[in-house]
Amino acid sequence: MVSHYWWEGVVERAEEVVAIFKTRTSLAGDVSDAVLEHHSYTTPAIMVLPVESVERGYLSWLLNATQPAAPK
């Protein structure tokens, strides 16, 4: 995507890649921390958006895919 934004008093233009990470609300902080740790930007755009509606099959998959690993 092409972004236009104010940065340090100047309008900037940049080509960027959008990434969407789908996870549980309880894991959003961990995902945010990982993005901040590995992203090249000083201030990457990290947003946590509430889900208003989700198809049941997809929700089941998401919850299963993000559950804690069973102890060995």
PDB file of N, CA and C in Angstrom:
ATOM      1  N   MET A   1       0.840  -1.159   0.000  1.00  0.00           N
ATOM      2  CA  MET A   1       0.000   0.000   0.000  1.00  0.00           C
ATOM      3  C   MET A   1       0.887   1.224   0.000  1.00  0.00           C
ATOM      4  N   VAL A   2       0.322   2.341  -0.363  1.00  0.00           N
ATOM      5  CA  VAL A   2       1.044   3.613  -0.317  1.00  0.00           C
ATOM      6  C   VAL A   2       0.479   4.419   0.842  1.00  0.00           C
ATOM      7  N   SER A   3       1.361   4.843   1.724  1.00  0.00           N
ATOM      8  CA  SER A   3       0.956   5.627   2.885  1.00  0.00           C
ATOM      9  C   SER A   3       1.413   7.067   2.738  1.00  0.00           C
ATOM     10  N   HIS A   4       0.570   7.979   3.169  1.00  0.00           N
ATOM     11  CA  HIS A   4       0.911   9.402   3.272  1.00  0.00           C
ATOM     12  C   HIS A   4       0.654   9.784   4.720  1.00  0.00           C
ATOM     13  N   TYR A   5       1.647  10.355   5.381  1.00  0.00           N
ATOM     14  CA  TYR A   5       1.513  10.652   6.798  1.00  0.00           C
ATOM     15  C   TYR A   5       2.471  11.769   7.205  1.00  0.00           C
ATOM     16  N   TRP A   6       2.125  12.417   8.303  1.00  0.00           N
ATOM     17  CA  TRP A   6       2.998  13.430   8.882  1.00  0.00           C
ATOM     18  C   TRP A   6       4.055  12.726   9.717  1.00  0.00           C
ATOM     19  N   TRP A   7       5.317  13.083   9.544  1.00  0.00           N
ATOM     20  CA  TRP A   7       6.384  12.545  10.373  1.00  0.00           C
ATOM     21  C   TRP A   7       7.413  13.638  10.608  1.00  0.00           C
ATOM     22  N   GLU A   8       7.562  14.017  11.860  1.00  0.00           N
ATOM     23  CA  GLU A   8       8.517  15.049  12.252  1.00  0.00           C
ATOM     24  C   GLU A   8       8.313  16.333  11.453  1.00  0.00           C
ATOM     25  N   GLY A   9       7.026  16.736  11.320  1.00  0.00           N
ATOM     26  CA  GLY A   9       6.679  18.003  10.697  1.00  0.00           C
ATOM     27  C   GLY A   9       6.654  18.017   9.178  1.00  0.00           C
ATOM     28  N   VAL A  10       6.821  16.871   8.541  1.00  0.00           N
ATOM     29  CA  VAL A  10       6.859  16.790   7.078  1.00  0.00           C
ATOM     30  C   VAL A  10       5.889  15.701   6.619  1.00  0.00           C
ATOM     31  N   VAL A  11       5.210  15.950   5.496  1.00  0.00           N
ATOM     32  CA  VAL A  11       4.357  14.913   4.921  1.00  0.00           C
ATOM     33  C   VAL A  11       5.251  13.922   4.184  1.00  0.00           C
ATOM     34  N   GLU A  12       5.154  12.665   4.579  1.00  0.00           N
ATOM     35  CA  GLU A  12       5.955  11.600   3.977  1.00  0.00           C
ATOM     36  C   GLU A  12       5.077  10.726   3.091  1.00  0.00           C
ATOM     37  N   ARG A  13       5.697  10.035   2.150  1.00  0.00           N
ATOM     38  CA  ARG A  13       5.025   9.056   1.294  1.00  0.00           C
ATOM     39  C   ARG A  13       5.892   7.815   1.306  1.00  0.00           C
ATOM     40  N   ALA A  14       5.278   6.675   1.547  1.00  0.00           N
ATOM     41  CA  ALA A  14       6.055   5.441   1.591  1.00  0.00           C
ATOM     42  C   ALA A  14       5.219   4.277   1.089  1.00  0.00           C
ATOM     43  N   GLU A  15       5.877   3.349   0.420  1.00  0.00           N
ATOM     44  CA  GLU A  15       5.235   2.092   0.055  1.00  0.00           C
ATOM     45  C   GLU A  15       5.474   1.133   1.207  1.00  0.00           C
ATOM     46  N   GLU A  16       4.394   0.527   1.696  1.00  0.00           N
ATOM     47  CA  GLU A  16       4.478  -0.338   2.859  1.00  0.00           C
ATOM     48  C   GLU A  16       3.707  -1.628   2.613  1.00  0.00           C
ATOM     49  N   VAL A  17       3.992  -2.612   3.414  1.00  0.00           N
ATOM     50  CA  VAL A  17       3.254  -3.870   3.395  1.00  0.00           C
ATOM     51  C   VAL A  17       2.361  -3.900   4.630  1.00  0.00           C
ATOM     52  N   VAL A  18       1.121  -4.281   4.450  1.00  0.00           N
ATOM     53  CA  VAL A  18       0.183  -4.405   5.560  1.00  0.00           C
ATOM     54  C   VAL A  18       0.193  -5.859   6.019  1.00  0.00           C
ATOM     55  N   ALA A  19       0.313  -6.067   7.321  1.00  0.00           N
ATOM     56  CA  ALA A  19       0.235  -7.409   7.886  1.00  0.00           C
ATOM     57  C   ALA A  19      -0.938  -7.439   8.859  1.00  0.00           C
ATOM     58  N   ILE A  20      -1.713  -8.494   8.790  1.00  0.00           N
ATOM     59  CA  ILE A  20      -2.828  -8.683   9.718  1.00  0.00           C
ATOM     60  C   ILE A  20      -2.548  -9.960  10.499  1.00  0.00           C
ATOM     61  N   PHE A  21      -2.443  -9.822  11.814  1.00  0.00           N
ATOM     62  CA  PHE A  21      -2.219 -10.967  12.687  1.00  0.00           C
ATOM     63  C   PHE A  21      -3.527 -11.260  13.402  1.00  0.00           C
ATOM     64  N   LYS A  22      -4.011 -12.457  13.254  1.00  0.00           N
ATOM     65  CA  LYS A  22      -5.279 -12.840  13.873  1.00  0.00           C
ATOM     66  C   LYS A  22      -4.976 -13.702  15.083  1.00  0.00           C
ATOM     67  N   THR A  23      -5.424 -13.261  16.255  1.00  0.00           N
ATOM     68  CA  THR A  23      -5.159 -13.998  17.477  1.00  0.00           C
ATOM     69  C   THR A  23      -6.223 -13.691  18.509  1.00  0.00           C
ATOM     70  N   ARG A  24      -6.068 -14.243  19.669  1.00  0.00           N
ATOM     71  CA  ARG A  24      -6.968 -13.967  20.791  1.00  0.00           C
ATOM     72  C   ARG A  24      -6.622 -12.610  21.401  1.00  0.00           C
ATOM     73  N   THR A  25      -7.605 -11.976  21.997  1.00  0.00           N
ATOM     74  CA  THR A  25      -7.368 -10.708  22.692  1.00  0.00           C
ATOM     75  C   THR A  25      -6.285 -10.875  23.751  1.00  0.00           C
ATOM     76  N   SER A  26      -6.285 -11.995  24.434  1.00  0.00           N
ATOM     77  CA  SER A  26      -5.321 -12.225  25.508  1.00  0.00           C
ATOM     78  C   SER A  26      -3.883 -12.319  25.006  1.00  0.00           C
ATOM     79  N   LEU A  27      -3.683 -12.550  23.708  1.00  0.00           N
ATOM     80  CA  LEU A  27      -2.345 -12.652  23.138  1.00  0.00           C
ATOM     81  C   LEU A  27      -1.934 -11.395  22.380  1.00  0.00           C
ATOM     82  N   ALA A  28      -2.824 -10.418  22.283  1.00  0.00           N
ATOM     83  CA  ALA A  28      -2.546  -9.214  21.492  1.00  0.00           C
ATOM     84  C   ALA A  28      -1.306  -8.470  21.990  1.00  0.00           C
ATOM     85  N   GLY A  29      -1.116  -8.403  23.288  1.00  0.00           N
ATOM     86  CA  GLY A  29       0.059  -7.722  23.835  1.00  0.00           C
ATOM     87  C   GLY A  29       1.354  -8.408  23.432  1.00  0.00           C
ATOM     88  N   ASP A  30       1.360  -9.737  23.445  1.00  0.00           N
ATOM     89  CA  ASP A  30       2.551 -10.484  23.029  1.00  0.00           C
ATOM     90  C   ASP A  30       2.856 -10.257  21.549  1.00  0.00           C
ATOM     91  N   VAL A  31       1.815 -10.250  20.727  1.00  0.00           N
ATOM     92  CA  VAL A  31       2.002 -10.002  19.293  1.00  0.00           C
ATOM     93  C   VAL A  31       2.541  -8.588  19.081  1.00  0.00           C
ATOM     94  N   SER A  32       1.961  -7.628  19.768  1.00  0.00           N
ATOM     95  CA  SER A  32       2.409  -6.241  19.667  1.00  0.00           C
ATOM     96  C   SER A  32       3.874  -6.113  20.070  1.00  0.00           C
ATOM     97  N   ASP A  33       4.256  -6.745  21.170  1.00  0.00           N
ATOM     98  CA  ASP A  33       5.650  -6.703  21.626  1.00  0.00           C
ATOM     99  C   ASP A  33       6.594  -7.293  20.590  1.00  0.00           C
ATOM    100  N   ALA A  34       6.196  -8.401  19.969  1.00  0.00           N
ATOM    101  CA  ALA A  34       7.040  -9.040  18.953  1.00  0.00           C
ATOM    102  C   ALA A  34       7.207  -8.140  17.729  1.00  0.00           C
ATOM    103  N   VAL A  35       6.116  -7.491  17.310  1.00  0.00           N
ATOM    104  CA  VAL A  35       6.203  -6.576  16.170  1.00  0.00           C
ATOM    105  C   VAL A  35       7.143  -5.422  16.506  1.00  0.00           C
ATOM    106  N   LEU A  36       6.980  -4.829  17.682  1.00  0.00           N
ATOM    107  CA  LEU A  36       7.843  -3.721  18.086  1.00  0.00           C
ATOM    108  C   LEU A  36       9.308  -4.142  18.135  1.00  0.00           C
ATOM    109  N   GLU A  37       9.565  -5.357  18.585  1.00  0.00           N
ATOM    110  CA  GLU A  37      10.940  -5.839  18.698  1.00  0.00           C
ATOM    111  C   GLU A  37      11.602  -6.044  17.335  1.00  0.00           C
ATOM    112  N   HIS A  38      10.822  -6.477  16.352  1.00  0.00           N
ATOM    113  CA  HIS A  38      11.413  -6.869  15.069  1.00  0.00           C
ATOM    114  C   HIS A  38      11.192  -5.881  13.927  1.00  0.00           C
ATOM    115  N   HIS A  39      10.322  -4.910  14.110  1.00  0.00           N
ATOM    116  CA  HIS A  39       9.987  -3.976  13.032  1.00  0.00           C
ATOM    117  C   HIS A  39      11.086  -2.930  12.869  1.00  0.00           C
ATOM    118  N   SER A  40      11.312  -2.518  11.642  1.00  0.00           N
ATOM    119  CA  SER A  40      12.346  -1.515  11.385  1.00  0.00           C
ATOM    120  C   SER A  40      11.881  -0.094  11.705  1.00  0.00           C
ATOM    121  N   TYR A  41      10.581   0.129  11.802  1.00  0.00           N
ATOM    122  CA  TYR A  41      10.070   1.473  12.097  1.00  0.00           C
ATOM    123  C   TYR A  41      10.201   1.786  13.586  1.00  0.00           C
ATOM    124  N   THR A  42      10.399   3.056  13.893  1.00  0.00           N
ATOM    125  CA  THR A  42      10.383   3.516  15.273  1.00  0.00           C
ATOM    126  C   THR A  42       8.974   3.411  15.840  1.00  0.00           C
ATOM    127  N   THR A  43       7.985   3.753  15.020  1.00  0.00           N
ATOM    128  CA  THR A  43       6.585   3.755  15.442  1.00  0.00           C
ATOM    129  C   THR A  43       5.734   3.010  14.416  1.00  0.00           C
ATOM    130  N   PRO A  44       5.758   1.671  14.433  1.00  0.00           N
ATOM    131  CA  PRO A  44       4.896   0.948  13.496  1.00  0.00           C
ATOM    132  C   PRO A  44       3.428   1.105  13.895  1.00  0.00           C
ATOM    133  N   ALA A  45       2.551   1.026  12.925  1.00  0.00           N
ATOM    134  CA  ALA A  45       1.110   1.125  13.189  1.00  0.00           C
ATOM    135  C   ALA A  45       0.624  -0.229  13.680  1.00  0.00           C
ATOM    136  N   ILE A  46       0.380  -0.317  14.976  1.00  0.00           N
ATOM    137  CA  ILE A  46      -0.138  -1.550  15.584  1.00  0.00           C
ATOM    138  C   ILE A  46      -1.511  -1.217  16.150  1.00  0.00           C
ATOM    139  N   MET A  47      -2.519  -1.920  15.669  1.00  0.00           N
ATOM    140  CA  MET A  47      -3.885  -1.679  16.115  1.00  0.00           C
ATOM    141  C   MET A  47      -4.533  -2.997  16.498  1.00  0.00           C
ATOM    142  N   VAL A  48      -5.243  -3.002  17.607  1.00  0.00           N
ATOM    143  CA  VAL A  48      -6.026  -4.160  18.011  1.00  0.00           C
ATOM    144  C   VAL A  48      -7.482  -3.779  17.791  1.00  0.00           C
ATOM    145  N   LEU A  49      -8.133  -4.518  16.909  1.00  0.00           N
ATOM    146  CA  LEU A  49      -9.509  -4.197  16.535  1.00  0.00           C
ATOM    147  C   LEU A  49     -10.469  -5.228  17.117  1.00  0.00           C
ATOM    148  N   PRO A  50     -11.533  -4.780  17.753  1.00  0.00           N
ATOM    149  CA  PRO A  50     -12.503  -5.737  18.294  1.00  0.00           C
ATOM    150  C   PRO A  50     -13.275  -6.416  17.162  1.00  0.00           C
ATOM    151  N   VAL A  51     -13.628  -7.658  17.393  1.00  0.00           N
ATOM    152  CA  VAL A  51     -14.394  -8.413  16.409  1.00  0.00           C
ATOM    153  C   VAL A  51     -15.870  -8.298  16.763  1.00  0.00           C
ATOM    154  N   GLU A  52     -16.642  -7.807  15.822  1.00  0.00           N
ATOM    155  CA  GLU A  52     -18.079  -7.668  16.053  1.00  0.00           C
ATOM    156  C   GLU A  52     -18.813  -8.957  15.736  1.00  0.00           C
ATOM    157  N   SER A  53     -18.332  -9.651  14.724  1.00  0.00           N
ATOM    158  CA  SER A  53     -18.990 -10.875  14.292  1.00  0.00           C
ATOM    159  C   SER A  53     -17.945 -11.758  13.620  1.00  0.00           C
ATOM    160  N   VAL A  54     -18.082 -13.075  13.806  1.00  0.00           N
ATOM    161  CA  VAL A  54     -17.150 -14.006  13.162  1.00  0.00           C
ATOM    162  C   VAL A  54     -17.892 -15.309  12.868  1.00  0.00           C
ATOM    163  N   GLU A  55     -17.581 -15.901  11.747  1.00  0.00           N
ATOM    164  CA  GLU A  55     -18.195 -17.168  11.356  1.00  0.00           C
ATOM    165  C   GLU A  55     -17.740 -18.248  12.342  1.00  0.00           C
ATOM    166  N   ARG A  56     -18.650 -19.077  12.796  1.00  0.00           N
ATOM    167  CA  ARG A  56     -18.369 -20.044  13.864  1.00  0.00           C
ATOM    168  C   ARG A  56     -17.230 -21.002  13.539  1.00  0.00           C
ATOM    169  N   GLY A  57     -17.178 -21.489  12.318  1.00  0.00           N
ATOM    170  CA  GLY A  57     -16.114 -22.422  11.937  1.00  0.00           C
ATOM    171  C   GLY A  57     -14.745 -21.770  12.012  1.00  0.00           C
ATOM    172  N   TYR A  58     -14.666 -20.542  11.554  1.00  0.00           N
ATOM    173  CA  TYR A  58     -13.403 -19.812  11.616  1.00  0.00           C
ATOM    174  C   TYR A  58     -13.017 -19.533  13.060  1.00  0.00           C
ATOM    175  N   LEU A  59     -13.974 -19.116  13.885  1.00  0.00           N
ATOM    176  CA  LEU A  59     -13.695 -18.847  15.287  1.00  0.00           C
ATOM    177  C   LEU A  59     -13.178 -20.110  15.974  1.00  0.00           C
ATOM    178  N   SER A  60     -13.787 -21.239  15.692  1.00  0.00           N
ATOM    179  CA  SER A  60     -13.346 -22.500  16.276  1.00  0.00           C
ATOM    180  C   SER A  60     -11.902 -22.785  15.887  1.00  0.00           C
ATOM    181  N   TRP A  61     -11.577 -22.606  14.610  1.00  0.00           N
ATOM    182  CA  TRP A  61     -10.205 -22.820  14.153  1.00  0.00           C
ATOM    183  C   TRP A  61      -9.248 -21.877  14.868  1.00  0.00           C
ATOM    184  N   LEU A  62      -9.593 -20.591  14.947  1.00  0.00           N
ATOM    185  CA  LEU A  62      -8.718 -19.590  15.572  1.00  0.00           C
ATOM    186  C   LEU A  62      -8.461 -19.925  17.038  1.00  0.00           C
ATOM    187  N   LEU A  63      -9.517 -20.264  17.768  1.00  0.00           N
ATOM    188  CA  LEU A  63      -9.349 -20.600  19.173  1.00  0.00           C
ATOM    189  C   LEU A  63      -8.498 -21.853  19.348  1.00  0.00           C
ATOM    190  N   ASN A  64      -8.693 -22.836  18.486  1.00  0.00           N
ATOM    191  CA  ASN A  64      -7.888 -24.051  18.547  1.00  0.00           C
ATOM    192  C   ASN A  64      -6.422 -23.753  18.205  1.00  0.00           C
ATOM    193  N   ALA A  65      -6.197 -22.943  17.197  1.00  0.00           N
ATOM    194  CA  ALA A  65      -4.833 -22.636  16.747  1.00  0.00           C
ATOM    195  C   ALA A  65      -4.060 -21.777  17.737  1.00  0.00           C
ATOM    196  N   THR A  66      -4.748 -21.063  18.603  1.00  0.00           N
ATOM    197  CA  THR A  66      -4.068 -20.163  19.529  1.00  0.00           C
ATOM    198  C   THR A  66      -4.159 -20.605  20.986  1.00  0.00           C
ATOM    199  N   GLN A  67      -4.595 -21.841  21.215  1.00  0.00           N
ATOM    200  CA  GLN A  67      -4.667 -22.311  22.594  1.00  0.00           C
ATOM    201  C   GLN A  67      -3.260 -22.669  23.080  1.00  0.00           C
ATOM    202  N   PRO A  68      -3.036 -22.591  24.373  1.00  0.00           N
ATOM    203  CA  PRO A  68      -1.721 -22.951  24.905  1.00  0.00           C
ATOM    204  C   PRO A  68      -1.390 -24.396  24.590  1.00  0.00           C
ATOM    205  N   ALA A  69      -0.111 -24.653  24.391  1.00  0.00           N
ATOM    206  CA  ALA A  69       0.333 -26.028  24.115  1.00  0.00           C
ATOM    207  C   ALA A  69       0.100 -26.890  25.348  1.00  0.00           C
ATOM    208  N   ALA A  70      -0.290 -28.128  25.104  1.00  0.00           N
ATOM    209  CA  ALA A  70      -0.501 -29.058  26.212  1.00  0.00           C
ATOM    210  C   ALA A  70       0.853 -29.424  26.822  1.00  0.00           C
ATOM    211  N   PRO A  71       0.908 -29.542  28.137  1.00  0.00           N
ATOM    212  CA  PRO A  71       2.168 -29.929  28.776  1.00  0.00           C
ATOM    213  C   PRO A  71       2.592 -31.322  28.332  1.00  0.00           C
ATOM    214  N   LYS A  72       3.889 -31.520  28.238  1.00  0.00           N
ATOM    215  CA  LYS A  72       4.392 -32.838  27.803  1.00  0.00           C
ATOM    216  C   LYS A  72       4.675 -33.725  28.978  1.00  0.00           C
TER     217      LYS A  72
END
